[in-house]
Structures are given as structure tokens and as C-alpha cells.
Amino acid sequence: MTAASHVITAANERTQLLLATHLRVADNMISRMRGLLGYPEPHPGSGLLLVPCNGVHMFGMGYVRAGCRLP
């Protein structure tokens, strides 16, 4: 089993502004629990989309990243 099911892009529906070009989707319990642990720091325009997501922590991460909540 891989840590993410698939890769997508994300854009703002109203402005069409591209938010990310390489989002790994974590849509099962195992991939959400693993998150970004063991992965190198994401490049600009990439990241992890947690579906569903009730909260995020950065415990044990070697880098700090900003996050946002999508409706």
C-alpha cells in the first residue's frame, strides 16, 4: 500500500489561481496517519491533501510548513 492514493492539482474555483501542482491525496487511515513523515520537505507547489481532516500536527517533522483548510 502506498502512502497516497493519487496526485492532483488544486485551483481556486473563483479566481482560477493555481494553488498546487502536485498534491498527494491521503484519503485512507494509513496514508493520513503517515502524512509527510519520512518524506523530504515538499517543493513549492506540492504538498499533501488530507481527506477528511480534523486536525494537523507537526510533531517529529524536520521542517515547518504552512497549511490551509479547504472547504
N, C-alpha and C. Protein backbone atom coordinates (compact mmCIF):
# COMPACT_ATOMS: atom_id res chain seq x y z
N MET A 1 0.85 -1.18 0.00
CA MET A 1 0.00 0.00 0.00
C MET A 1 0.89 1.23 0.00
N THR A 2 0.56 2.19 -0.84
CA THR A 2 1.32 3.43 -0.89
C THR A 2 0.78 4.42 0.12
N ALA A 3 1.57 5.43 0.41
CA ALA A 3 1.16 6.44 1.40
C ALA A 3 0.10 7.38 0.85
N ALA A 4 -0.03 7.49 -0.44
CA ALA A 4 -1.05 8.36 -1.02
C ALA A 4 -1.67 7.65 -2.21
N SER A 5 -2.96 7.84 -2.39
CA SER A 5 -3.68 7.16 -3.44
C SER A 5 -3.38 7.70 -4.82
N HIS A 6 -3.34 9.01 -4.94
CA HIS A 6 -3.13 9.62 -6.24
C HIS A 6 -2.63 11.04 -6.09
N VAL A 7 -2.30 11.67 -7.21
CA VAL A 7 -1.76 13.02 -7.22
C VAL A 7 -2.71 13.90 -8.02
N ILE A 8 -2.99 15.11 -7.50
CA ILE A 8 -3.91 16.03 -8.16
C ILE A 8 -3.33 17.44 -8.17
N THR A 9 -3.98 18.35 -8.89
CA THR A 9 -3.69 19.77 -8.80
C THR A 9 -4.85 20.45 -8.09
N ALA A 10 -4.63 21.65 -7.56
CA ALA A 10 -5.68 22.39 -6.87
C ALA A 10 -5.67 23.83 -7.34
N ALA A 11 -6.87 24.35 -7.61
CA ALA A 11 -7.01 25.75 -8.04
C ALA A 11 -8.20 26.37 -7.33
N ASN A 12 -8.13 27.70 -7.15
CA ASN A 12 -9.24 28.45 -6.60
C ASN A 12 -10.33 28.50 -7.67
N GLU A 13 -11.54 28.04 -7.33
CA GLU A 13 -12.62 27.99 -8.32
C GLU A 13 -13.03 29.38 -8.82
N ARG A 14 -13.02 30.36 -7.93
CA ARG A 14 -13.47 31.70 -8.31
C ARG A 14 -12.44 32.44 -9.16
N THR A 15 -11.17 32.41 -8.74
CA THR A 15 -10.14 33.19 -9.43
C THR A 15 -9.32 32.35 -10.42
N GLN A 16 -9.45 31.03 -10.36
CA GLN A 16 -8.66 30.11 -11.18
C GLN A 16 -7.17 30.16 -10.85
N LEU A 17 -6.82 30.75 -9.70
CA LEU A 17 -5.43 30.80 -9.26
C LEU A 17 -4.98 29.39 -8.90
N LEU A 18 -3.87 28.95 -9.45
CA LEU A 18 -3.35 27.62 -9.17
C LEU A 18 -2.72 27.60 -7.79
N LEU A 19 -3.21 26.73 -6.90
CA LEU A 19 -2.72 26.63 -5.53
C LEU A 19 -1.60 25.62 -5.39
N ALA A 20 -1.70 24.52 -6.09
CA ALA A 20 -0.68 23.47 -6.03
C ALA A 20 -0.72 22.66 -7.32
N THR A 21 0.44 22.25 -7.77
CA THR A 21 0.52 21.45 -9.00
C THR A 21 0.76 19.97 -8.72
N HIS A 22 1.12 19.65 -7.49
CA HIS A 22 1.45 18.26 -7.17
C HIS A 22 1.02 17.95 -5.74
N LEU A 23 -0.26 17.66 -5.55
CA LEU A 23 -0.80 17.32 -4.23
C LEU A 23 -0.99 15.81 -4.13
N ARG A 24 -0.31 15.20 -3.20
CA ARG A 24 -0.58 13.79 -2.91
C ARG A 24 -1.84 13.74 -2.06
N VAL A 25 -2.75 12.85 -2.39
CA VAL A 25 -4.00 12.74 -1.66
C VAL A 25 -3.90 11.59 -0.67
N ALA A 26 -4.10 11.91 0.61
CA ALA A 26 -4.13 10.90 1.67
C ALA A 26 -5.59 10.72 2.07
N ASP A 27 -6.22 9.69 1.53
CA ASP A 27 -7.66 9.53 1.73
C ASP A 27 -8.04 8.22 2.41
N ASN A 28 -7.07 7.59 3.06
CA ASN A 28 -7.38 6.43 3.88
C ASN A 28 -6.64 6.55 5.21
N MET A 29 -7.02 5.75 6.17
CA MET A 29 -6.48 5.88 7.52
C MET A 29 -4.96 5.79 7.56
N ILE A 30 -4.39 4.84 6.87
CA ILE A 30 -2.93 4.64 6.90
C ILE A 30 -2.20 5.84 6.29
N SER A 31 -2.64 6.29 5.13
CA SER A 31 -1.95 7.41 4.48
C SER A 31 -2.12 8.70 5.27
N ARG A 32 -3.26 8.92 5.92
CA ARG A 32 -3.44 10.11 6.76
C ARG A 32 -2.56 10.03 8.00
N MET A 33 -2.44 8.83 8.61
CA MET A 33 -1.59 8.68 9.80
C MET A 33 -0.13 8.93 9.45
N ARG A 34 0.33 8.45 8.30
CA ARG A 34 1.72 8.64 7.91
C ARG A 34 1.99 10.08 7.53
N GLY A 35 1.06 10.69 6.82
CA GLY A 35 1.23 12.08 6.41
C GLY A 35 2.52 12.29 5.64
N LEU A 36 3.33 13.23 6.09
CA LEU A 36 4.60 13.55 5.43
C LEU A 36 5.81 12.93 6.13
N LEU A 37 5.58 12.14 7.17
CA LEU A 37 6.70 11.52 7.88
C LEU A 37 7.50 10.63 6.93
N GLY A 38 8.80 10.81 6.94
CA GLY A 38 9.68 10.01 6.12
C GLY A 38 9.86 10.54 4.71
N TYR A 39 9.21 11.63 4.38
CA TYR A 39 9.35 12.24 3.07
C TYR A 39 10.23 13.48 3.18
N PRO A 40 10.95 13.83 2.12
CA PRO A 40 11.72 15.07 2.16
C PRO A 40 10.77 16.27 2.16
N GLU A 41 11.30 17.44 2.49
CA GLU A 41 10.49 18.65 2.51
C GLU A 41 9.87 18.87 1.13
N PRO A 42 8.55 19.12 1.09
CA PRO A 42 7.89 19.32 -0.21
C PRO A 42 8.43 20.57 -0.92
N HIS A 43 8.48 20.48 -2.23
CA HIS A 43 8.89 21.62 -3.05
C HIS A 43 7.74 22.61 -3.14
N PRO A 44 8.01 23.87 -3.47
CA PRO A 44 6.93 24.84 -3.68
C PRO A 44 5.94 24.30 -4.73
N GLY A 45 4.66 24.43 -4.45
CA GLY A 45 3.63 23.95 -5.37
C GLY A 45 3.24 22.51 -5.14
N SER A 46 3.81 21.88 -4.10
CA SER A 46 3.46 20.50 -3.81
C SER A 46 3.04 20.38 -2.34
N GLY A 47 2.44 19.26 -2.00
CA GLY A 47 2.01 19.06 -0.62
C GLY A 47 1.18 17.82 -0.46
N LEU A 48 0.43 17.80 0.63
CA LEU A 48 -0.40 16.65 0.99
C LEU A 48 -1.80 17.13 1.30
N LEU A 49 -2.78 16.53 0.66
CA LEU A 49 -4.18 16.84 0.91
C LEU A 49 -4.75 15.72 1.76
N LEU A 50 -5.16 16.03 2.99
CA LEU A 50 -5.73 15.05 3.91
C LEU A 50 -7.24 15.08 3.79
N VAL A 51 -7.84 13.93 3.44
CA VAL A 51 -9.29 13.86 3.24
C VAL A 51 -9.85 12.65 3.98
N PRO A 52 -10.72 12.80 4.96
CA PRO A 52 -11.07 14.02 5.68
C PRO A 52 -9.96 14.39 6.64
N CYS A 53 -10.07 15.60 7.20
CA CYS A 53 -9.04 16.08 8.12
C CYS A 53 -9.68 16.87 9.25
N ASN A 54 -9.46 16.42 10.48
CA ASN A 54 -9.97 17.14 11.65
C ASN A 54 -8.89 17.96 12.34
N GLY A 55 -7.63 17.72 12.02
CA GLY A 55 -6.54 18.46 12.64
C GLY A 55 -5.20 18.02 12.08
N VAL A 56 -4.20 18.86 12.26
CA VAL A 56 -2.86 18.60 11.75
C VAL A 56 -1.86 18.93 12.84
N HIS A 57 -0.81 18.10 12.98
CA HIS A 57 0.28 18.43 13.90
C HIS A 57 1.58 18.28 13.14
N MET A 58 2.63 18.89 13.66
CA MET A 58 3.95 18.83 13.03
C MET A 58 4.96 18.14 13.92
N PHE A 59 4.50 17.35 14.89
CA PHE A 59 5.39 16.65 15.81
C PHE A 59 6.30 15.70 15.04
N GLY A 60 7.59 15.79 15.28
CA GLY A 60 8.54 14.89 14.65
C GLY A 60 8.98 15.30 13.26
N MET A 61 8.48 16.41 12.78
CA MET A 61 8.85 16.85 11.43
C MET A 61 10.14 17.65 11.49
N GLY A 62 10.98 17.49 10.51
CA GLY A 62 12.24 18.21 10.45
C GLY A 62 12.12 19.57 9.80
N TYR A 63 10.92 19.95 9.41
CA TYR A 63 10.68 21.24 8.77
C TYR A 63 9.30 21.73 9.16
N VAL A 64 9.07 23.01 8.96
CA VAL A 64 7.78 23.61 9.30
C VAL A 64 7.09 24.02 8.01
N ARG A 65 5.85 23.71 7.91
CA ARG A 65 5.06 24.04 6.72
C ARG A 65 3.78 24.73 7.12
N ALA A 66 3.34 25.62 6.25
CA ALA A 66 2.03 26.26 6.44
C ALA A 66 0.96 25.34 5.89
N GLY A 67 -0.21 25.45 6.44
CA GLY A 67 -1.33 24.66 5.96
C GLY A 67 -2.54 25.53 5.77
N CYS A 68 -3.48 25.03 5.06
CA CYS A 68 -4.74 25.76 4.90
C CYS A 68 -5.88 24.75 4.88
N ARG A 69 -7.03 25.23 5.20
CA ARG A 69 -8.22 24.37 5.20
C ARG A 69 -9.05 24.71 3.97
N LEU A 70 -9.36 23.69 3.19
CA LEU A 70 -10.19 23.88 2.02
C LEU A 70 -11.60 23.45 2.36
N PRO A 71 -12.60 24.22 1.87
CA PRO A 71 -14.00 23.87 2.20
C PRO A 71 -14.44 22.58 1.52
